[in-house]
N, C-alpha and C. Protein backbone atom coordinates (compact mmCIF):
# COMPACT_ATOMS: atom_id res chain seq x y z
N MET A 1 113.40 -195.35 -138.87
CA MET A 1 112.34 -194.61 -139.52
C MET A 1 112.93 -193.86 -140.70
N ASN A 2 112.26 -193.92 -141.81
CA ASN A 2 112.76 -193.30 -143.03
C ASN A 2 111.65 -192.42 -143.61
N VAL A 3 111.81 -191.10 -143.46
CA VAL A 3 110.84 -190.15 -144.00
C VAL A 3 111.50 -189.41 -145.16
N ASP A 4 110.91 -189.52 -146.33
CA ASP A 4 111.44 -188.87 -147.52
C ASP A 4 111.55 -187.37 -147.29
N SER A 5 112.71 -186.81 -147.57
CA SER A 5 112.96 -185.39 -147.32
C SER A 5 112.10 -184.48 -148.18
N ARG A 6 111.52 -185.00 -149.25
CA ARG A 6 110.66 -184.19 -150.11
C ARG A 6 109.28 -183.95 -149.52
N LEU A 7 108.92 -184.72 -148.50
CA LEU A 7 107.62 -184.54 -147.88
C LEU A 7 107.59 -183.25 -147.08
N GLY A 8 106.58 -182.47 -147.30
CA GLY A 8 106.37 -181.27 -146.51
C GLY A 8 105.31 -181.57 -145.46
N GLN A 9 104.57 -180.57 -145.10
CA GLN A 9 103.50 -180.75 -144.15
C GLN A 9 102.33 -181.46 -144.84
N ILE A 10 101.70 -182.36 -144.12
CA ILE A 10 100.61 -183.16 -144.66
C ILE A 10 99.33 -182.81 -143.93
N GLN A 11 98.25 -182.62 -144.67
CA GLN A 11 96.96 -182.34 -144.05
C GLN A 11 96.26 -183.65 -143.76
N ALA A 12 96.10 -183.93 -142.48
CA ALA A 12 95.42 -185.15 -142.06
C ALA A 12 95.07 -185.01 -140.58
N ASP A 13 94.23 -185.89 -140.09
CA ASP A 13 93.90 -185.93 -138.67
C ASP A 13 95.09 -186.59 -137.98
N GLU A 14 95.91 -185.78 -137.35
CA GLU A 14 97.15 -186.27 -136.74
C GLU A 14 96.91 -187.40 -135.74
N ARG A 15 95.85 -187.27 -134.93
CA ARG A 15 95.57 -188.32 -133.94
C ARG A 15 95.27 -189.65 -134.60
N ARG A 16 94.49 -189.62 -135.67
CA ARG A 16 94.11 -190.87 -136.33
C ARG A 16 95.30 -191.50 -137.05
N VAL A 17 96.09 -190.68 -137.72
CA VAL A 17 97.27 -191.21 -138.40
C VAL A 17 98.23 -191.81 -137.37
N ARG A 18 98.40 -191.11 -136.26
CA ARG A 18 99.27 -191.62 -135.19
C ARG A 18 98.72 -192.94 -134.66
N GLN A 19 97.39 -193.03 -134.47
CA GLN A 19 96.78 -194.27 -133.99
C GLN A 19 97.06 -195.44 -134.93
N VAL A 20 96.98 -195.18 -136.22
CA VAL A 20 97.24 -196.24 -137.20
C VAL A 20 98.68 -196.73 -137.07
N VAL A 21 99.62 -195.80 -137.09
CA VAL A 21 101.03 -196.19 -137.01
C VAL A 21 101.32 -196.86 -135.67
N LEU A 22 100.74 -196.33 -134.58
CA LEU A 22 100.99 -196.91 -133.26
C LEU A 22 100.26 -198.23 -133.05
N ASN A 23 99.38 -198.60 -133.95
CA ASN A 23 98.82 -199.95 -133.93
C ASN A 23 99.69 -200.89 -134.76
N LEU A 24 100.16 -200.41 -135.88
CA LEU A 24 100.98 -201.26 -136.76
C LEU A 24 102.33 -201.61 -136.13
N LEU A 25 102.94 -200.66 -135.43
CA LEU A 25 104.26 -200.92 -134.83
C LEU A 25 104.24 -202.05 -133.79
N PRO A 26 103.34 -202.02 -132.80
CA PRO A 26 103.32 -203.13 -131.84
C PRO A 26 103.03 -204.47 -132.49
N ASN A 27 102.19 -204.47 -133.53
CA ASN A 27 101.95 -205.72 -134.25
C ASN A 27 103.24 -206.24 -134.86
N ALA A 28 104.00 -205.34 -135.49
CA ALA A 28 105.27 -205.74 -136.09
C ALA A 28 106.22 -206.28 -135.02
N ILE A 29 106.27 -205.61 -133.88
CA ILE A 29 107.14 -206.05 -132.78
C ILE A 29 106.69 -207.42 -132.28
N LYS A 30 105.39 -207.58 -132.10
CA LYS A 30 104.85 -208.83 -131.56
C LYS A 30 105.17 -210.03 -132.44
N PHE A 31 105.18 -209.84 -133.76
CA PHE A 31 105.35 -210.97 -134.67
C PHE A 31 106.74 -211.06 -135.28
N THR A 32 107.67 -210.23 -134.81
CA THR A 32 109.05 -210.29 -135.31
C THR A 32 109.94 -210.88 -134.23
N PRO A 33 110.64 -211.95 -134.54
CA PRO A 33 111.51 -212.57 -133.54
C PRO A 33 112.71 -211.67 -133.21
N GLU A 34 113.31 -211.95 -132.08
CA GLU A 34 114.50 -211.21 -131.67
C GLU A 34 115.55 -211.27 -132.78
N GLY A 35 116.15 -210.13 -133.04
CA GLY A 35 117.14 -210.05 -134.12
C GLY A 35 116.53 -209.67 -135.46
N GLY A 36 115.19 -209.61 -135.52
CA GLY A 36 114.52 -209.22 -136.75
C GLY A 36 114.59 -207.71 -136.95
N ARG A 37 113.98 -207.25 -138.02
CA ARG A 37 114.05 -205.83 -138.37
C ARG A 37 112.65 -205.27 -138.63
N ILE A 38 112.44 -204.03 -138.18
CA ILE A 38 111.19 -203.32 -138.41
C ILE A 38 111.55 -201.95 -138.98
N GLU A 39 110.82 -201.55 -140.01
CA GLU A 39 111.10 -200.27 -140.65
C GLU A 39 109.80 -199.52 -140.91
N VAL A 40 109.82 -198.22 -140.63
CA VAL A 40 108.69 -197.34 -140.94
C VAL A 40 109.16 -196.38 -142.01
N ARG A 41 108.38 -196.23 -143.06
CA ARG A 41 108.73 -195.34 -144.18
C ARG A 41 107.56 -194.43 -144.51
N ALA A 42 107.88 -193.22 -144.93
CA ALA A 42 106.88 -192.28 -145.45
C ALA A 42 107.46 -191.70 -146.73
N THR A 43 106.74 -191.88 -147.83
CA THR A 43 107.23 -191.44 -149.14
C THR A 43 106.11 -190.81 -149.95
N PRO A 44 106.47 -189.89 -150.85
CA PRO A 44 105.45 -189.34 -151.76
C PRO A 44 105.16 -190.34 -152.87
N GLN A 45 103.89 -190.45 -153.24
CA GLN A 45 103.47 -191.32 -154.33
C GLN A 45 102.38 -190.61 -155.14
N ASP A 46 102.75 -190.07 -156.28
CA ASP A 46 101.78 -189.43 -157.18
C ASP A 46 100.94 -188.36 -156.48
N GLY A 47 101.58 -187.51 -155.70
CA GLY A 47 100.88 -186.44 -155.02
C GLY A 47 100.19 -186.86 -153.73
N LEU A 48 100.38 -188.09 -153.32
CA LEU A 48 99.80 -188.62 -152.08
C LEU A 48 100.93 -189.03 -151.15
N VAL A 49 100.58 -189.42 -149.96
CA VAL A 49 101.57 -189.88 -149.00
C VAL A 49 101.36 -191.37 -148.75
N GLU A 50 102.43 -192.13 -148.85
CA GLU A 50 102.39 -193.56 -148.56
C GLU A 50 103.22 -193.81 -147.31
N VAL A 51 102.61 -194.43 -146.32
CA VAL A 51 103.30 -194.78 -145.07
C VAL A 51 103.26 -196.30 -144.95
N SER A 52 104.42 -196.89 -144.67
CA SER A 52 104.45 -198.34 -144.53
C SER A 52 105.23 -198.75 -143.29
N VAL A 53 104.81 -199.88 -142.73
CA VAL A 53 105.50 -200.51 -141.62
C VAL A 53 105.84 -201.92 -142.08
N SER A 54 107.14 -202.20 -142.15
CA SER A 54 107.61 -203.51 -142.62
C SER A 54 108.33 -204.24 -141.50
N ASP A 55 108.23 -205.56 -141.52
CA ASP A 55 108.96 -206.36 -140.54
C ASP A 55 109.51 -207.62 -141.19
N THR A 56 110.42 -208.26 -140.50
CA THR A 56 110.98 -209.53 -140.94
C THR A 56 110.45 -210.65 -140.05
N GLY A 57 109.17 -210.53 -139.71
CA GLY A 57 108.55 -211.47 -138.79
C GLY A 57 108.06 -212.74 -139.43
N VAL A 58 107.06 -213.34 -138.80
CA VAL A 58 106.57 -214.66 -139.20
C VAL A 58 105.79 -214.63 -140.49
N GLY A 59 105.25 -213.47 -140.86
CA GLY A 59 104.46 -213.37 -142.09
C GLY A 59 103.03 -213.82 -141.91
N ILE A 60 102.24 -213.58 -142.94
CA ILE A 60 100.82 -213.92 -142.94
C ILE A 60 100.53 -214.73 -144.20
N ALA A 61 99.84 -215.83 -144.02
CA ALA A 61 99.49 -216.68 -145.16
C ALA A 61 98.63 -215.90 -146.15
N PRO A 62 98.78 -216.16 -147.45
CA PRO A 62 98.01 -215.43 -148.47
C PRO A 62 96.51 -215.44 -148.21
N GLU A 63 95.97 -216.58 -147.78
CA GLU A 63 94.53 -216.67 -147.56
C GLU A 63 94.05 -215.88 -146.34
N ASP A 64 94.98 -215.46 -145.48
CA ASP A 64 94.63 -214.69 -144.28
C ASP A 64 94.88 -213.20 -144.42
N GLN A 65 95.47 -212.76 -145.51
CA GLN A 65 95.90 -211.37 -145.61
C GLN A 65 94.74 -210.38 -145.62
N GLU A 66 93.63 -210.69 -146.18
CA GLU A 66 92.48 -209.80 -146.13
C GLU A 66 91.73 -209.97 -144.81
N ALA A 67 91.76 -211.18 -144.28
CA ALA A 67 91.03 -211.48 -143.04
C ALA A 67 91.57 -210.70 -141.85
N VAL A 68 92.84 -210.31 -141.85
CA VAL A 68 93.40 -209.60 -140.70
C VAL A 68 92.70 -208.26 -140.46
N PHE A 69 92.00 -207.73 -141.46
CA PHE A 69 91.29 -206.46 -141.31
C PHE A 69 89.84 -206.63 -140.85
N GLU A 70 89.39 -207.88 -140.67
CA GLU A 70 88.02 -208.14 -140.22
C GLU A 70 87.92 -208.01 -138.70
N GLU A 71 86.75 -207.53 -138.23
CA GLU A 71 86.54 -207.37 -136.79
C GLU A 71 86.70 -208.69 -136.06
N PHE A 72 87.40 -208.63 -134.93
CA PHE A 72 87.61 -209.75 -134.03
C PHE A 72 88.29 -210.95 -134.68
N ARG A 73 88.88 -210.74 -135.83
CA ARG A 73 89.53 -211.83 -136.55
C ARG A 73 91.02 -211.77 -136.30
N GLN A 74 91.56 -212.88 -135.85
CA GLN A 74 92.99 -212.99 -135.65
C GLN A 74 93.49 -214.20 -136.41
N VAL A 75 94.68 -214.09 -136.92
CA VAL A 75 95.27 -215.20 -137.66
C VAL A 75 96.61 -215.52 -137.02
N GLY A 76 97.17 -216.64 -137.38
CA GLY A 76 98.47 -217.00 -136.85
C GLY A 76 98.36 -218.01 -135.73
N THR A 77 99.42 -218.07 -134.94
CA THR A 77 99.49 -219.07 -133.87
C THR A 77 98.67 -218.65 -132.66
N ALA A 78 98.21 -219.62 -131.90
CA ALA A 78 97.34 -219.37 -130.77
C ALA A 78 98.00 -218.50 -129.71
N ASP A 79 99.30 -218.64 -129.45
CA ASP A 79 99.95 -217.86 -128.41
C ASP A 79 99.96 -216.37 -128.73
N LYS A 80 99.99 -216.00 -129.97
CA LYS A 80 99.96 -214.58 -130.35
C LYS A 80 98.53 -214.04 -130.37
N LYS A 81 97.57 -214.88 -130.63
CA LYS A 81 96.18 -214.44 -130.72
C LYS A 81 95.67 -213.90 -129.39
N VAL A 82 96.09 -214.49 -128.28
CA VAL A 82 95.58 -214.06 -126.98
C VAL A 82 96.08 -212.67 -126.59
N GLU A 83 97.06 -212.14 -127.27
CA GLU A 83 97.63 -210.85 -126.92
C GLU A 83 96.86 -209.67 -127.51
N GLY A 84 95.81 -209.91 -128.26
CA GLY A 84 95.07 -208.80 -128.87
C GLY A 84 93.58 -209.07 -128.91
N THR A 85 92.84 -208.04 -129.33
CA THR A 85 91.38 -208.15 -129.39
C THR A 85 90.87 -208.48 -130.78
N GLY A 86 91.72 -208.28 -131.78
CA GLY A 86 91.26 -208.48 -133.15
C GLY A 86 90.55 -207.26 -133.71
N LEU A 87 90.75 -206.10 -133.07
CA LEU A 87 90.11 -204.87 -133.54
C LEU A 87 91.11 -203.86 -134.11
N GLY A 88 92.37 -203.99 -133.79
CA GLY A 88 93.35 -202.98 -134.17
C GLY A 88 93.42 -202.70 -135.66
N LEU A 89 93.56 -203.73 -136.46
CA LEU A 89 93.67 -203.53 -137.91
C LEU A 89 92.35 -203.12 -138.53
N THR A 90 91.24 -203.55 -137.91
CA THR A 90 89.92 -203.10 -138.38
C THR A 90 89.81 -201.59 -138.21
N LEU A 91 90.21 -201.10 -137.04
CA LEU A 91 90.16 -199.66 -136.78
C LEU A 91 91.13 -198.91 -137.69
N CYS A 92 92.30 -199.48 -137.92
CA CYS A 92 93.26 -198.85 -138.84
C CYS A 92 92.61 -198.64 -140.21
N ARG A 93 91.99 -199.67 -140.72
CA ARG A 93 91.36 -199.56 -142.03
C ARG A 93 90.27 -198.49 -142.02
N LYS A 94 89.44 -198.48 -140.98
CA LYS A 94 88.36 -197.49 -140.91
C LYS A 94 88.92 -196.07 -140.86
N PHE A 95 89.96 -195.83 -140.05
CA PHE A 95 90.55 -194.49 -139.95
C PHE A 95 91.13 -194.05 -141.28
N VAL A 96 91.85 -194.94 -141.94
CA VAL A 96 92.47 -194.59 -143.22
C VAL A 96 91.39 -194.33 -144.27
N GLU A 97 90.36 -195.15 -144.30
CA GLU A 97 89.28 -194.95 -145.27
C GLU A 97 88.50 -193.66 -145.00
N LEU A 98 88.38 -193.27 -143.74
CA LEU A 98 87.73 -191.99 -143.42
C LEU A 98 88.51 -190.82 -144.02
N HIS A 99 89.79 -191.00 -144.21
CA HIS A 99 90.62 -189.98 -144.87
C HIS A 99 90.61 -190.15 -146.39
N GLY A 100 89.81 -191.10 -146.87
CA GLY A 100 89.73 -191.32 -148.30
C GLY A 100 90.86 -192.16 -148.84
N GLY A 101 91.59 -192.82 -147.96
CA GLY A 101 92.74 -193.61 -148.37
C GLY A 101 92.46 -195.09 -148.33
N GLY A 102 93.52 -195.86 -148.33
CA GLY A 102 93.42 -197.31 -148.28
C GLY A 102 94.59 -197.90 -147.52
N ILE A 103 94.42 -199.12 -147.06
CA ILE A 103 95.48 -199.83 -146.35
C ILE A 103 95.45 -201.28 -146.80
N TRP A 104 96.62 -201.87 -146.95
CA TRP A 104 96.71 -203.25 -147.40
C TRP A 104 97.98 -203.87 -146.83
N VAL A 105 98.08 -205.18 -146.98
CA VAL A 105 99.25 -205.90 -146.51
C VAL A 105 99.81 -206.75 -147.64
N LYS A 106 101.13 -206.80 -147.69
CA LYS A 106 101.85 -207.76 -148.53
C LYS A 106 102.70 -208.57 -147.58
N SER A 107 102.62 -209.87 -147.70
CA SER A 107 103.31 -210.70 -146.73
C SER A 107 103.67 -212.05 -147.32
N GLU A 108 104.70 -212.62 -146.74
CA GLU A 108 105.12 -213.97 -147.12
C GLU A 108 105.48 -214.72 -145.85
N LEU A 109 104.91 -215.91 -145.69
CA LEU A 109 105.19 -216.70 -144.50
C LEU A 109 106.70 -216.90 -144.32
N GLY A 110 107.15 -216.67 -143.10
CA GLY A 110 108.56 -216.85 -142.78
C GLY A 110 109.46 -215.71 -143.21
N LYS A 111 108.93 -214.72 -143.92
CA LYS A 111 109.78 -213.62 -144.41
C LYS A 111 109.34 -212.25 -143.91
N GLY A 112 108.09 -212.13 -143.45
CA GLY A 112 107.64 -210.86 -142.91
C GLY A 112 106.48 -210.26 -143.65
N SER A 113 106.12 -209.05 -143.19
CA SER A 113 104.93 -208.36 -143.72
C SER A 113 105.23 -206.88 -143.90
N THR A 114 104.52 -206.28 -144.84
CA THR A 114 104.53 -204.83 -145.00
C THR A 114 103.09 -204.36 -145.06
N PHE A 115 102.72 -203.54 -144.08
CA PHE A 115 101.41 -202.89 -144.07
C PHE A 115 101.62 -201.50 -144.63
N THR A 116 100.84 -201.15 -145.64
CA THR A 116 100.99 -199.87 -146.31
C THR A 116 99.66 -199.14 -146.30
N MET A 117 99.73 -197.86 -145.95
CA MET A 117 98.53 -197.02 -146.05
C MET A 117 98.87 -195.86 -146.96
N ILE A 118 97.87 -195.42 -147.69
CA ILE A 118 98.06 -194.27 -148.56
C ILE A 118 96.98 -193.26 -148.24
N ALA A 119 97.39 -192.03 -148.04
CA ALA A 119 96.46 -190.95 -147.75
C ALA A 119 96.15 -190.22 -149.03
N VAL A 120 94.89 -189.93 -149.26
CA VAL A 120 94.53 -189.27 -150.51
C VAL A 120 94.63 -187.76 -150.42
N HIS A 121 94.79 -187.23 -149.23
CA HIS A 121 94.92 -185.78 -149.13
C HIS A 121 96.17 -185.35 -149.87
N PRO A 122 96.04 -184.44 -150.80
CA PRO A 122 97.21 -184.00 -151.54
C PRO A 122 98.16 -183.21 -150.66
N PHE A 123 99.40 -183.22 -151.00
CA PHE A 123 100.40 -182.44 -150.31
C PHE A 123 101.33 -181.87 -151.35
N ARG A 124 102.10 -180.92 -150.95
CA ARG A 124 103.08 -180.35 -151.87
C ARG A 124 104.46 -180.73 -151.38
N LEU A 125 105.29 -181.16 -152.30
CA LEU A 125 106.65 -181.48 -151.94
C LEU A 125 107.35 -180.22 -151.45
N GLU A 126 108.30 -180.38 -150.55
CA GLU A 126 108.98 -179.24 -149.93
C GLU A 126 109.58 -178.31 -150.98
N ALA A 127 110.17 -178.84 -152.04
CA ALA A 127 110.76 -177.99 -153.08
C ALA A 127 109.69 -177.14 -153.77
N GLU A 128 108.51 -177.72 -154.02
CA GLU A 128 107.42 -176.97 -154.63
C GLU A 128 106.95 -175.85 -153.71
N ARG A 129 106.90 -176.13 -152.40
CA ARG A 129 106.46 -175.14 -151.43
C ARG A 129 107.43 -173.96 -151.42
N ARG A 130 108.73 -174.23 -151.43
CA ARG A 130 109.73 -173.15 -151.45
C ARG A 130 109.59 -172.31 -152.72
N ASN A 131 109.40 -172.97 -153.87
CA ASN A 131 109.25 -172.24 -155.13
C ASN A 131 108.01 -171.36 -155.12
N SER A 132 106.90 -171.86 -154.61
CA SER A 132 105.68 -171.06 -154.61
C SER A 132 105.82 -169.88 -153.66
N ARG A 133 106.52 -170.04 -152.53
CA ARG A 133 106.75 -168.93 -151.61
C ARG A 133 107.60 -167.85 -152.26
N SER A 134 108.62 -168.25 -152.98
CA SER A 134 109.50 -167.24 -153.59
C SER A 134 108.77 -166.52 -154.71
N GLN A 135 107.83 -167.17 -155.38
CA GLN A 135 107.06 -166.50 -156.43
C GLN A 135 106.02 -165.57 -155.85
N GLU A 136 105.49 -165.89 -154.65
CA GLU A 136 104.48 -165.04 -154.03
C GLU A 136 105.09 -163.74 -153.49
N CYS A 137 106.30 -163.82 -152.97
CA CYS A 137 106.91 -162.63 -152.38
C CYS A 137 108.42 -162.65 -152.66
N PRO A 138 108.83 -162.49 -153.89
CA PRO A 138 110.24 -162.65 -154.25
C PRO A 138 111.18 -161.67 -153.54
N SER A 139 110.76 -160.48 -153.20
CA SER A 139 111.69 -159.54 -152.60
C SER A 139 111.67 -159.55 -151.08
N ARG A 140 110.61 -160.08 -150.46
CA ARG A 140 110.49 -160.01 -149.01
C ARG A 140 110.79 -161.33 -148.32
N CYS A 141 110.71 -162.45 -148.98
CA CYS A 141 110.79 -163.73 -148.29
C CYS A 141 112.14 -164.36 -148.34
């Protein structure tokens, strides 16, 4: 897990953000062969927060990349399809959009996938937060 040290506290529905990440992680595990790699990142992007889950799994065909977010829609091989309901990524998209954000996938067959969500709630970088605190109470804080 790689969380950018500049990120401070983020205003968001913690349960929903956790649900999104906890849906993306098992998907990455399910579609990544033994010896593969999975990475979770959180970084600042233009005053917003970008969270991504990347894997070195089987990947998703270009024509299926938008379809994975449709209700009850599963793509890939039949043996992996039976392990889910086809609702997880649909719910992820709905939760992220309720926060005013977006979620998308970049993927290449045989090389893996990266699911990225961006939250539109603004946040302040930790350095900015320290500076504003020292300006508010320079002698006491």
